[in-house]
PDB file of N, CA and C in Angstrom:
ATOM      1  N   UNK A   1      84.731  60.162  13.986  1.00  0.00           N
ATOM      2  CA  UNK A   1      84.084  61.447  14.173  1.00  0.00           C
ATOM      3  C   UNK A   1      83.008  61.335  15.242  1.00  0.00           C
ATOM      4  N   UNK A   2      82.167  62.340  15.381  1.00  0.00           N
ATOM      5  CA  UNK A   2      81.160  62.376  16.433  1.00  0.00           C
ATOM      6  C   UNK A   2      80.090  61.314  16.265  1.00  0.00           C
ATOM      7  N   UNK A   3      79.930  60.786  15.075  1.00  0.00           N
ATOM      8  CA  UNK A   3      78.926  59.757  14.814  1.00  0.00           C
ATOM      9  C   UNK A   3      79.454  58.344  15.015  1.00  0.00           C
ATOM     10  N   UNK A   4      80.686  58.212  15.455  1.00  0.00           N
ATOM     11  CA  UNK A   4      81.266  56.894  15.668  1.00  0.00           C
ATOM     12  C   UNK A   4      81.752  56.238  14.401  1.00  0.00           C
ATOM     13  N   UNK A   5      82.098  57.039  13.399  1.00  0.00           N
ATOM     14  CA  UNK A   5      82.575  56.504  12.120  1.00  0.00           C
ATOM     15  C   UNK A   5      84.063  56.809  12.006  1.00  0.00           C
ATOM     16  N   UNK A   6      84.821  55.791  11.645  1.00  0.00           N
ATOM     17  CA  UNK A   6      86.264  55.945  11.473  1.00  0.00           C
ATOM     18  C   UNK A   6      86.610  55.573  10.040  1.00  0.00           C
ATOM     19  N   UNK A   7      87.215  56.523   9.317  1.00  0.00           N
ATOM     20  CA  UNK A   7      87.664  56.283   7.949  1.00  0.00           C
ATOM     21  C   UNK A   7      89.173  56.044   7.983  1.00  0.00           C
ATOM     22  N   UNK A   8      89.587  54.913   7.440  1.00  0.00           N
ATOM     23  CA  UNK A   8      91.001  54.538   7.449  1.00  0.00           C
ATOM     24  C   UNK A   8      91.438  54.284   6.007  1.00  0.00           C
ATOM     25  N   UNK A   9      92.586  54.805   5.655  1.00  0.00           N
ATOM     26  CA  UNK A   9      93.142  54.497   4.329  1.00  0.00           C
ATOM     27  C   UNK A   9      94.588  54.045   4.529  1.00  0.00           C
ATOM     28  N   UNK A  10      95.019  53.131   3.667  1.00  0.00           N
ATOM     29  CA  UNK A  10      96.375  52.582   3.757  1.00  0.00           C
ATOM     30  C   UNK A  10      97.002  52.593   2.359  1.00  0.00           C
ATOM     31  N   UNK A  11      98.304  52.834   2.324  1.00  0.00           N
ATOM     32  CA  UNK A  11      99.028  52.873   1.052  1.00  0.00           C
ATOM     33  C   UNK A  11     100.281  52.013   1.193  1.00  0.00           C
ATOM     34  N   UNK A  12     100.397  51.030   0.323  1.00  0.00           N
ATOM     35  CA  UNK A  12     101.609  50.204   0.276  1.00  0.00           C
ATOM     36  C   UNK A  12     102.601  50.953  -0.598  1.00  0.00           C
ATOM     37  N   UNK A  13     103.682  51.442  -0.014  1.00  0.00           N
ATOM     38  CA  UNK A  13     104.609  52.296  -0.740  1.00  0.00           C
ATOM     39  C   UNK A  13     105.436  51.525  -1.773  1.00  0.00           C
ATOM     40  N   UNK A  14     105.611  50.241  -1.592  1.00  0.00           N
ATOM     41  CA  UNK A  14     106.406  49.493  -2.556  1.00  0.00           C
ATOM     42  C   UNK A  14     105.617  49.192  -3.820  1.00  0.00           C
ATOM     43  N   UNK A  15     104.320  48.896  -3.679  1.00  0.00           N
ATOM     44  CA  UNK A  15     103.524  48.570  -4.862  1.00  0.00           C
ATOM     45  C   UNK A  15     102.661  49.742  -5.305  1.00  0.00           C
ATOM     46  N   UNK A  16     102.459  50.722  -4.425  1.00  0.00           N
ATOM     47  CA  UNK A  16     101.620  51.865  -4.741  1.00  0.00           C
ATOM     48  C   UNK A  16     100.131  51.571  -4.611  1.00  0.00           C
ATOM     49  N   UNK A  17      99.824  50.401  -4.099  1.00  0.00           N
ATOM     50  CA  UNK A  17      98.432  50.012  -3.949  1.00  0.00           C
ATOM     51  C   UNK A  17      97.857  50.667  -2.685  1.00  0.00           C
ATOM     52  N   UNK A  18      96.631  51.203  -2.818  1.00  0.00           N
ATOM     53  CA  UNK A  18      95.996  51.819  -1.652  1.00  0.00           C
ATOM     54  C   UNK A  18      94.620  51.182  -1.444  1.00  0.00           C
ATOM     55  N   UNK A  19      94.148  51.298  -0.230  1.00  0.00           N
ATOM     56  CA  UNK A  19      92.852  50.744   0.115  1.00  0.00           C
ATOM     57  C   UNK A  19      92.243  51.620   1.209  1.00  0.00           C
ATOM     58  N   UNK A  20      90.916  51.720   1.194  1.00  0.00           N
ATOM     59  CA  UNK A  20      90.201  52.506   2.207  1.00  0.00           C
ATOM     60  C   UNK A  20      89.160  51.613   2.866  1.00  0.00           C
ATOM     61  N   UNK A  21      88.922  51.861   4.138  1.00  0.00           N
ATOM     62  CA  UNK A  21      87.904  51.127   4.881  1.00  0.00           C
ATOM     63  C   UNK A  21      87.201  52.112   5.812  1.00  0.00           C
ATOM     64  N   UNK A  22      85.918  51.894   5.978  1.00  0.00           N
ATOM     65  CA  UNK A  22      85.138  52.710   6.917  1.00  0.00           C
ATOM     66  C   UNK A  22      84.643  51.786   8.028  1.00  0.00           C
ATOM     67  N   UNK A  23      84.937  52.183   9.258  1.00  0.00           N
ATOM     68  CA  UNK A  23      84.532  51.401  10.429  1.00  0.00           C
ATOM     69  C   UNK A  23      83.452  52.199  11.164  1.00  0.00           C
ATOM     70  N   UNK A  24      82.316  51.548  11.373  1.00  0.00           N
ATOM     71  CA  UNK A  24      81.234  52.216  12.101  1.00  0.00           C
ATOM     72  C   UNK A  24      81.005  51.513  13.424  1.00  0.00           C
ATOM     73  N   UNK A  25      80.572  52.270  14.385  1.00  0.00           N
ATOM     74  CA  UNK A  25      80.284  51.734  15.710  1.00  0.00           C
ATOM     75  C   UNK A  25      78.768  51.682  15.883  1.00  0.00           C
ATOM     76  N   UNK A  26      78.164  50.620  15.399  1.00  0.00           N
ATOM     77  CA  UNK A  26      76.723  50.469  15.510  1.00  0.00           C
ATOM     78  C   UNK A  26      76.315  49.698  16.763  1.00  0.00           C
ATOM     79  N   UNK A  27      77.267  49.159  17.462  1.00  0.00           N
ATOM     80  CA  UNK A  27      76.963  48.371  18.643  1.00  0.00           C
ATOM     81  C   UNK A  27      76.409  49.285  19.738  1.00  0.00           C
ATOM     82  N   UNK A  28      75.275  48.893  20.303  1.00  0.00           N
ATOM     83  CA  UNK A  28      74.681  49.651  21.392  1.00  0.00           C
ATOM     84  C   UNK A  28      73.854  50.841  20.934  1.00  0.00           C
ATOM     85  N   UNK A  29      73.772  51.066  19.653  1.00  0.00           N
ATOM     86  CA  UNK A  29      72.976  52.179  19.141  1.00  0.00           C
ATOM     87  C   UNK A  29      71.621  51.667  18.695  1.00  0.00           C
ATOM     88  N   UNK A  30      70.655  52.555  18.764  1.00  0.00           N
ATOM     89  CA  UNK A  30      69.309  52.190  18.320  1.00  0.00           C
ATOM     90  C   UNK A  30      69.180  52.433  16.821  1.00  0.00           C
ATOM     91  N   UNK A  31      68.507  51.527  16.177  1.00  0.00           N
ATOM     92  CA  UNK A  31      68.237  51.714  14.755  1.00  0.00           C
ATOM     93  C   UNK A  31      67.108  52.733  14.610  1.00  0.00           C
ATOM     94  N   UNK A  32      66.938  53.246  13.422  1.00  0.00           N
ATOM     95  CA  UNK A  32      65.865  54.212  13.190  1.00  0.00           C
ATOM     96  C   UNK A  32      64.504  53.579  13.475  1.00  0.00           C
ATOM     97  N   UNK A  33      64.364  52.291  13.167  1.00  0.00           N
ATOM     98  CA  UNK A  33      63.122  51.567  13.466  1.00  0.00           C
ATOM     99  C   UNK A  33      62.837  51.565  14.964  1.00  0.00           C
ATOM    100  N   UNK A  34      63.872  51.279  15.738  1.00  0.00           N
ATOM    101  CA  UNK A  34      63.703  51.247  17.188  1.00  0.00           C
ATOM    102  C   UNK A  34      63.370  52.629  17.735  1.00  0.00           C
ATOM    103  N   UNK A  35      64.007  53.647  17.218  1.00  0.00           N
ATOM    104  CA  UNK A  35      63.730  55.015  17.653  1.00  0.00           C
ATOM    105  C   UNK A  35      62.279  55.373  17.339  1.00  0.00           C
ATOM    106  N   UNK A  36      61.839  55.059  16.123  1.00  0.00           N
ATOM    107  CA  UNK A  36      60.453  55.342  15.736  1.00  0.00           C
ATOM    108  C   UNK A  36      59.465  54.595  16.633  1.00  0.00           C
ATOM    109  N   UNK A  37      59.772  53.355  16.952  1.00  0.00           N
ATOM    110  CA  UNK A  37      58.896  52.558  17.823  1.00  0.00           C
ATOM    111  C   UNK A  37      58.799  53.189  19.211  1.00  0.00           C
ATOM    112  N   UNK A  38      59.934  53.634  19.751  1.00  0.00           N
ATOM    113  CA  UNK A  38      59.935  54.254  21.075  1.00  0.00           C
ATOM    114  C   UNK A  38      59.160  55.571  21.084  1.00  0.00           C
ATOM    115  N   UNK A  39      59.302  56.345  20.026  1.00  0.00           N
ATOM    116  CA  UNK A  39      58.558  57.606  19.914  1.00  0.00           C
ATOM    117  C   UNK A  39      57.063  57.327  19.852  1.00  0.00           C
ATOM    118  N   UNK A  40      56.669  56.323  19.077  1.00  0.00           N
ATOM    119  CA  UNK A  40      55.251  55.966  18.980  1.00  0.00           C
ATOM    120  C   UNK A  40      54.703  55.487  20.314  1.00  0.00           C
ATOM    121  N   UNK A  41      55.486  54.701  21.034  1.00  0.00           N
ATOM    122  CA  UNK A  41      55.054  54.241  22.355  1.00  0.00           C
ATOM    123  C   UNK A  41      54.890  55.413  23.314  1.00  0.00           C
ATOM    124  N   UNK A  42      55.817  56.350  23.264  1.00  0.00           N
ATOM    125  CA  UNK A  42      55.737  57.519  24.138  1.00  0.00           C
ATOM    126  C   UNK A  42      54.476  58.325  23.846  1.00  0.00           C
ATOM    127  N   UNK A  43      54.157  58.481  22.584  1.00  0.00           N
ATOM    128  CA  UNK A  43      52.942  59.211  22.216  1.00  0.00           C
ATOM    129  C   UNK A  43      51.694  58.461  22.663  1.00  0.00           C
ATOM    130  N   UNK A  44      51.744  57.139  22.569  1.00  0.00           N
ATOM    131  CA  UNK A  44      50.608  56.310  22.965  1.00  0.00           C
ATOM    132  C   UNK A  44      50.347  56.439  24.475  1.00  0.00           C
ATOM    133  N   UNK A  45      51.395  56.481  25.255  1.00  0.00           N
ATOM    134  CA  UNK A  45      51.258  56.529  26.705  1.00  0.00           C
ATOM    135  C   UNK A  45      51.117  57.943  27.257  1.00  0.00           C
ATOM    136  N   UNK A  46      51.244  58.943  26.403  1.00  0.00           N
ATOM    137  CA  UNK A  46      51.153  60.329  26.859  1.00  0.00           C
ATOM    138  C   UNK A  46      49.796  60.606  27.501  1.00  0.00           C
ATOM    139  N   UNK A  47      48.726  60.133  26.898  1.00  0.00           N
ATOM    140  CA  UNK A  47      47.386  60.362  27.442  1.00  0.00           C
ATOM    141  C   UNK A  47      47.238  59.704  28.816  1.00  0.00           C
ATOM    142  N   UNK A  48      47.764  58.494  28.952  1.00  0.00           N
ATOM    143  CA  UNK A  48      47.709  57.810  30.245  1.00  0.00           C
ATOM    144  C   UNK A  48      48.512  58.568  31.294  1.00  0.00           C
ATOM    145  N   UNK A  49      49.681  59.056  30.917  1.00  0.00           N
ATOM    146  CA  UNK A  49      50.518  59.817  31.844  1.00  0.00           C
ATOM    147  C   UNK A  49      49.825  61.097  32.287  1.00  0.00           C
ATOM    148  N   UNK A  50      49.169  61.771  31.348  1.00  0.00           N
ATOM    149  CA  UNK A  50      48.456  63.002  31.667  1.00  0.00           C
ATOM    150  C   UNK A  50      47.302  62.717  32.625  1.00  0.00           C
ATOM    151  N   UNK A  51      46.560  61.653  32.366  1.00  0.00           N
ATOM    152  CA  UNK A  51      45.444  61.278  33.242  1.00  0.00           C
ATOM    153  C   UNK A  51      45.951  60.935  34.645  1.00  0.00           C
ATOM    154  N   UNK A  52      47.060  60.224  34.712  1.00  0.00           N
ATOM    155  CA  UNK A  52      47.623  59.859  36.018  1.00  0.00           C
ATOM    156  C   UNK A  52      48.088  61.105  36.766  1.00  0.00           C
ATOM    157  N   UNK A  53      48.693  62.058  36.054  1.00  0.00           N
ATOM    158  CA  UNK A  53      49.149  63.294  36.690  1.00  0.00           C
ATOM    159  C   UNK A  53      47.961  64.082  37.244  1.00  0.00           C
ATOM    160  N   UNK A  54      46.855  64.119  36.504  1.00  0.00           N
ATOM    161  CA  UNK A  54      45.654  64.811  36.981  1.00  0.00           C
ATOM    162  C   UNK A  54      45.089  64.125  38.217  1.00  0.00           C
ATOM    163  N   UNK A  55      45.134  62.796  38.216  1.00  0.00           N
ATOM    164  CA  UNK A  55      44.631  62.044  39.366  1.00  0.00           C
ATOM    165  C   UNK A  55      45.466  62.341  40.611  1.00  0.00           C
ATOM    166  N   UNK A  56      46.780  62.351  40.448  1.00  0.00           N
ATOM    167  CA  UNK A  56      47.673  62.636  41.579  1.00  0.00           C
ATOM    168  C   UNK A  56      47.434  64.053  42.086  1.00  0.00           C
ATOM    169  N   UNK A  57      47.255  64.990  41.169  1.00  0.00           N
ATOM    170  CA  UNK A  57      46.999  66.379  41.555  1.00  0.00           C
ATOM    171  C   UNK A  57      45.679  66.483  42.322  1.00  0.00           C
ATOM    172  N   UNK A  58      44.630  65.812  41.846  1.00  0.00           N
ATOM    173  CA  UNK A  58      43.337  65.838  42.521  1.00  0.00           C
ATOM    174  C   UNK A  58      43.428  65.179  43.900  1.00  0.00           C
ATOM    175  N   UNK A  59      44.154  64.080  43.963  1.00  0.00           N
ATOM    176  CA  UNK A  59      44.314  63.356  45.227  1.00  0.00           C
ATOM    177  C   UNK A  59      45.055  64.215  46.252  1.00  0.00           C
ATOM    178  N   UNK A  60      46.127  64.867  45.805  1.00  0.00           N
ATOM    179  CA  UNK A  60      46.885  65.744  46.706  1.00  0.00           C
ATOM    180  C   UNK A  60      46.052  66.941  47.150  1.00  0.00           C
ATOM    181  N   UNK A  61      45.260  67.495  46.233  1.00  0.00           N
ATOM    182  CA  UNK A  61      44.394  68.620  46.578  1.00  0.00           C
ATOM    183  C   UNK A  61      43.353  68.233  47.612  1.00  0.00           C
ATOM    184  N   UNK A  62      42.797  67.044  47.463  1.00  0.00           N
ATOM    185  CA  UNK A  62      41.796  66.549  48.415  1.00  0.00           C
ATOM    186  C   UNK A  62      42.416  66.390  49.801  1.00  0.00           C
ATOM    187  N   UNK A  63      43.581  65.787  49.846  1.00  0.00           N
ATOM    188  CA  UNK A  63      44.262  65.591  51.130  1.00  0.00           C
ATOM    189  C   UNK A  63      44.606  66.930  51.772  1.00  0.00           C
ATOM    190  N   UNK A  64      45.096  67.869  50.980  1.00  0.00           N
ATOM    191  CA  UNK A  64      45.428  69.196  51.506  1.00  0.00           C
ATOM    192  C   UNK A  64      44.188  69.895  52.061  1.00  0.00           C
ATOM    193  N   UNK A  65      43.069  69.743  51.362  1.00  0.00           N
ATOM    194  CA  UNK A  65      41.827  70.361  51.818  1.00  0.00           C
ATOM    195  C   UNK A  65      41.408  69.788  53.175  1.00  0.00           C
ATOM    196  N   UNK A  66      41.511  68.482  53.330  1.00  0.00           N
ATOM    197  CA  UNK A  66      41.159  67.848  54.613  1.00  0.00           C
ATOM    198  C   UNK A  66      42.010  68.432  55.737  1.00  0.00           C
ATOM    199  N   UNK A  67      43.326  68.512  55.508  1.00  0.00           N
ATOM    200  CA  UNK A  67      44.215  69.041  56.545  1.00  0.00           C
ATOM    201  C   UNK A  67      43.976  70.529  56.800  1.00  0.00           C
ATOM    202  N   UNK A  68      43.636  71.261  55.758  1.00  0.00           N
ATOM    203  CA  UNK A  68      43.361  72.689  55.907  1.00  0.00           C
ATOM    204  C   UNK A  68      42.126  72.908  56.793  1.00  0.00           C
ATOM    205  N   UNK A  69      41.080  72.128  56.544  1.00  0.00           N
ATOM    206  CA  UNK A  69      39.866  72.239  57.364  1.00  0.00           C
ATOM    207  C   UNK A  69      40.172  71.838  58.803  1.00  0.00           C
ATOM    208  N   UNK A  70      40.938  70.765  58.957  1.00  0.00           N
ATOM    209  CA  UNK A  70      41.295  70.298  60.302  1.00  0.00           C
ATOM    210  C   UNK A  70      42.114  71.354  61.053  1.00  0.00           C
ATOM    211  N   UNK A  71      43.055  71.986  60.350  1.00  0.00           N
ATOM    212  CA  UNK A  71      43.886  73.022  60.988  1.00  0.00           C
ATOM    213  C   UNK A  71      43.072  74.270  61.343  1.00  0.00           C
ATOM    214  N   UNK A  72      42.044  74.564  60.558  1.00  0.00           N
ATOM    215  CA  UNK A  72      41.251  75.766  60.843  1.00  0.00           C
ATOM    216  C   UNK A  72      40.552  75.651  62.197  1.00  0.00           C
ATOM    217  N   UNK A  73      40.136  74.460  62.573  1.00  0.00           N
ATOM    218  CA  UNK A  73      39.490  74.255  63.874  1.00  0.00           C
ATOM    219  C   UNK A  73      40.503  74.396  64.998  1.00  0.00           C
ATOM    220  N   UNK A  74      41.750  74.041  64.727  1.00  0.00           N
ATOM    221  CA  UNK A  74      42.795  74.092  65.749  1.00  0.00           C
ATOM    222  C   UNK A  74      43.515  75.430  65.791  1.00  0.00           C
ATOM    223  N   UNK A  75      43.271  76.294  64.815  1.00  0.00           N
ATOM    224  CA  UNK A  75      43.943  77.595  64.716  1.00  0.00           C
ATOM    225  C   UNK A  75      43.514  78.504  65.869  1.00  0.00           C
ATOM    226  N   UNK A  76      44.494  79.093  66.549  1.00  0.00           N
ATOM    227  CA  UNK A  76      44.204  79.964  67.691  1.00  0.00           C
ATOM    228  C   UNK A  76      43.316  81.148  67.313  1.00  0.00           C
ATOM    229  N   UNK A  77      43.466  81.655  66.122  1.00  0.00           N
ATOM    230  CA  UNK A  77      42.682  82.819  65.693  1.00  0.00           C
ATOM    231  C   UNK A  77      41.222  82.453  65.412  1.00  0.00           C
ATOM    232  N   UNK A  78      40.986  81.196  65.050  1.00  0.00           N
ATOM    233  CA  UNK A  78      39.635  80.787  64.672  1.00  0.00           C
ATOM    234  C   UNK A  78      38.938  79.921  65.720  1.00  0.00           C
ATOM    235  N   UNK A  79      39.698  79.395  66.666  1.00  0.00           N
ATOM    236  CA  UNK A  79      39.146  78.474  67.659  1.00  0.00           C
ATOM    237  C   UNK A  79      37.870  78.993  68.314  1.00  0.00           C
ATOM    238  N   UNK A  80      37.906  80.247  68.710  1.00  0.00           N
ATOM    239  CA  UNK A  80      36.797  80.818  69.468  1.00  0.00           C
ATOM    240  C   UNK A  80      35.560  81.069  68.616  1.00  0.00           C
ATOM    241  N   UNK A  81      35.690  81.000  67.309  1.00  0.00           N
ATOM    242  CA  UNK A  81      34.555  81.281  66.424  1.00  0.00           C
ATOM    243  C   UNK A  81      33.675  80.050  66.205  1.00  0.00           C
ATOM    244  N   UNK A  82      34.150  78.902  66.645  1.00  0.00           N
ATOM    245  CA  UNK A  82      33.386  77.667  66.479  1.00  0.00           C
ATOM    246  C   UNK A  82      32.775  77.256  67.808  1.00  0.00           C
ATOM    247  N   UNK A  83      31.553  76.763  67.757  1.00  0.00           N
ATOM    248  CA  UNK A  83      30.948  76.186  68.960  1.00  0.00           C
ATOM    249  C   UNK A  83      31.538  74.792  69.142  1.00  0.00           C
ATOM    250  N   UNK A  84      31.327  74.237  70.291  1.00  0.00           N
ATOM    251  CA  UNK A  84      31.831  72.882  70.551  1.00  0.00           C
ATOM    252  C   UNK A  84      31.185  71.880  69.602  1.00  0.00           C
ATOM    253  N   UNK A  85      29.901  72.087  69.285  1.00  0.00           N
ATOM    254  CA  UNK A  85      29.206  71.202  68.349  1.00  0.00           C
ATOM    255  C   UNK A  85      29.806  71.323  66.953  1.00  0.00           C
ATOM    256  N   UNK A  86      30.120  72.578  66.546  1.00  0.00           N
ATOM    257  CA  UNK A  86      30.749  72.798  65.236  1.00  0.00           C
ATOM    258  C   UNK A  86      32.108  72.103  65.170  1.00  0.00           C
ATOM    259  N   UNK A  87      32.897  72.270  66.222  1.00  0.00           N
ATOM    260  CA  UNK A  87      34.227  71.644  66.264  1.00  0.00           C
ATOM    261  C   UNK A  87      34.107  70.132  66.143  1.00  0.00           C
ATOM    262  N   UNK A  88      33.164  69.560  66.895  1.00  0.00           N
ATOM    263  CA  UNK A  88      32.981  68.105  66.855  1.00  0.00           C
ATOM    264  C   UNK A  88      32.542  67.656  65.466  1.00  0.00           C
ATOM    265  N   UNK A  89      31.618  68.400  64.859  1.00  0.00           N
ATOM    266  CA  UNK A  89      31.128  68.042  63.517  1.00  0.00           C
ATOM    267  C   UNK A  89      32.263  68.121  62.489  1.00  0.00           C
ATOM    268  N   UNK A  90      33.088  69.154  62.581  1.00  0.00           N
ATOM    269  CA  UNK A  90      34.210  69.318  61.642  1.00  0.00           C
ATOM    270  C   UNK A  90      35.247  68.232  61.856  1.00  0.00           C
ATOM    271  N   UNK A  91      35.566  67.953  63.110  1.00  0.00           N
ATOM    272  CA  UNK A  91      36.542  66.894  63.414  1.00  0.00           C
ATOM    273  C   UNK A  91      36.049  65.536  62.921  1.00  0.00           C
ATOM    274  N   UNK A  92      34.770  65.261  63.140  1.00  0.00           N
ATOM    275  CA  UNK A  92      34.203  63.993  62.667  1.00  0.00           C
ATOM    276  C   UNK A  92      34.237  63.907  61.143  1.00  0.00           C
ATOM    277  N   UNK A  93      33.894  65.007  60.499  1.00  0.00           N
ATOM    278  CA  UNK A  93      33.876  65.030  59.026  1.00  0.00           C
ATOM    279  C   UNK A  93      35.291  64.855  58.465  1.00  0.00           C
ATOM    280  N   UNK A  94      36.273  65.534  59.050  1.00  0.00           N
ATOM    281  CA  UNK A  94      37.647  65.392  58.537  1.00  0.00           C
ATOM    282  C   UNK A  94      38.166  63.982  58.788  1.00  0.00           C
ATOM    283  N   UNK A  95      37.809  63.405  59.921  1.00  0.00           N
ATOM    284  CA  UNK A  95      38.221  62.029  60.214  1.00  0.00           C
ATOM    285  C   UNK A  95      37.595  61.063  59.205  1.00  0.00           C
ATOM    286  N   UNK A  96      36.306  61.258  58.930  1.00  0.00           N
ATOM    287  CA  UNK A  96      35.602  60.405  57.970  1.00  0.00           C
ATOM    288  C   UNK A  96      36.212  60.524  56.573  1.00  0.00           C
ATOM    289  N   UNK A  97      36.483  61.753  56.164  1.00  0.00           N
ATOM    290  CA  UNK A  97      37.076  61.962  54.833  1.00  0.00           C
ATOM    291  C   UNK A  97      38.488  61.392  54.749  1.00  0.00           C
ATOM    292  N   UNK A  98      39.253  61.509  55.817  1.00  0.00           N
ATOM    293  CA  UNK A  98      40.612  60.960  55.816  1.00  0.00           C
ATOM    294  C   UNK A  98      40.572  59.436  55.757  1.00  0.00           C
ATOM    295  N   UNK A  99      39.630  58.826  56.458  1.00  0.00           N
ATOM    296  CA  UNK A  99      39.497  57.367  56.398  1.00  0.00           C
ATOM    297  C   UNK A  99      39.124  56.927  54.982  1.00  0.00           C
ATOM    298  N   UNK A 100      38.206  57.667  54.356  1.00  0.00           N
ATOM    299  CA  UNK A 100      37.834  57.337  52.980  1.00  0.00           C
ATOM    300  C   UNK A 100      39.037  57.503  52.065  1.00  0.00           C
ATOM    301  N   UNK A 101      39.759  58.590  52.231  1.00  0.00           N
ATOM    302  CA  UNK A 101      40.947  58.878  51.411  1.00  0.00           C
ATOM    303  C   UNK A 101      41.974  57.751  51.521  1.00  0.00           C
ATOM    304  N   UNK A 102      42.267  57.352  52.733  1.00  0.00           N
ATOM    305  CA  UNK A 102      43.258  56.294  52.954  1.00  0.00           C
ATOM    306  C   UNK A 102      42.757  54.928  52.493  1.00  0.00           C
ATOM    307  N   UNK A 103      41.451  54.717  52.536  1.00  0.00           N
ATOM    308  CA  UNK A 103      40.878  53.433  52.147  1.00  0.00           C
ATOM    309  C   UNK A 103      40.592  53.292  50.661  1.00  0.00           C
ATOM    310  N   UNK A 104      40.757  54.380  49.907  1.00  0.00           N
ATOM    311  CA  UNK A 104      40.453  54.362  48.475  1.00  0.00           C
ATOM    312  C   UNK A 104      41.604  54.932  47.641  1.00  0.00           C
ATOM    313  N   UNK A 105      42.760  54.299  47.692  1.00  0.00           N
ATOM    314  CA  UNK A 105      43.906  54.842  46.952  1.00  0.00           C
ATOM    315  C   UNK A 105      43.712  54.808  45.424  1.00  0.00           C
ATOM    316  N   UNK A 106      42.810  53.957  44.957  1.00  0.00           N
ATOM    317  CA  UNK A 106      42.594  53.840  43.515  1.00  0.00           C
ATOM    318  C   UNK A 106      41.351  54.578  43.033  1.00  0.00           C
ATOM    319  N   UNK A 107      40.835  55.483  43.862  1.00  0.00           N
ATOM    320  CA  UNK A 107      39.640  56.237  43.481  1.00  0.00           C
ATOM    321  C   UNK A 107      39.941  57.079  42.243  1.00  0.00           C
ATOM    322  N   UNK A 108      38.903  57.373  41.485  1.00  0.00           N
ATOM    323  CA  UNK A 108      39.081  58.133  40.247  1.00  0.00           C
ATOM    324  C   UNK A 108      39.306  59.615  40.536  1.00  0.00           C
ATOM    325  N   UNK A 109      39.762  60.309  39.528  1.00  0.00           N
ATOM    326  CA  UNK A 109      40.001  61.756  39.645  1.00  0.00           C
ATOM    327  C   UNK A 109      38.709  62.459  40.052  1.00  0.00           C
ATOM    328  N   UNK A 110      37.588  62.068  39.457  1.00  0.00           N
ATOM    329  CA  UNK A 110      36.307  62.696  39.743  1.00  0.00           C
ATOM    330  C   UNK A 110      35.901  62.514  41.203  1.00  0.00           C
ATOM    331  N   UNK A 111      36.244  61.382  41.793  1.00  0.00           N
ATOM    332  CA  UNK A 111      35.890  61.146  43.189  1.00  0.00           C
ATOM    333  C   UNK A 111      36.674  62.056  44.125  1.00  0.00           C
ATOM    334  N   UNK A 112      37.853  62.456  43.742  1.00  0.00           N
ATOM    335  CA  UNK A 112      38.650  63.355  44.570  1.00  0.00           C
ATOM    336  C   UNK A 112      38.245  64.813  44.399  1.00  0.00           C
ATOM    337  N   UNK A 113      37.583  65.123  43.288  1.00  0.00           N
ATOM    338  CA  UNK A 113      37.177  66.517  43.036  1.00  0.00           C
ATOM    339  C   UNK A 113      35.913  66.857  43.704  1.00  0.00           C
TER     340      UNK A 113
END
């Protein structure tokens, strides 16, 4: 059947003797103990996974912000609104932040926020 169980019965017609056997396919299957252990491990690591996802989200947001600021200085619609000193200050700041970003891949979520 769907659970990997095969029920077989045999009847010797000359003696009238019958016998039944059940064959199960337990090979390669997880025991209930193993399933419970895996579920517990998954629950244990859920908090770590959530923290890592938040860190990746913060890191990506920080990088996007750097590029957004950099693009605003280069944008044709906004170019004329910045003085040369402003452009230089923004370019220097984005360069500095990008260097920090690339040099600190293991920074905490709070550092990226």
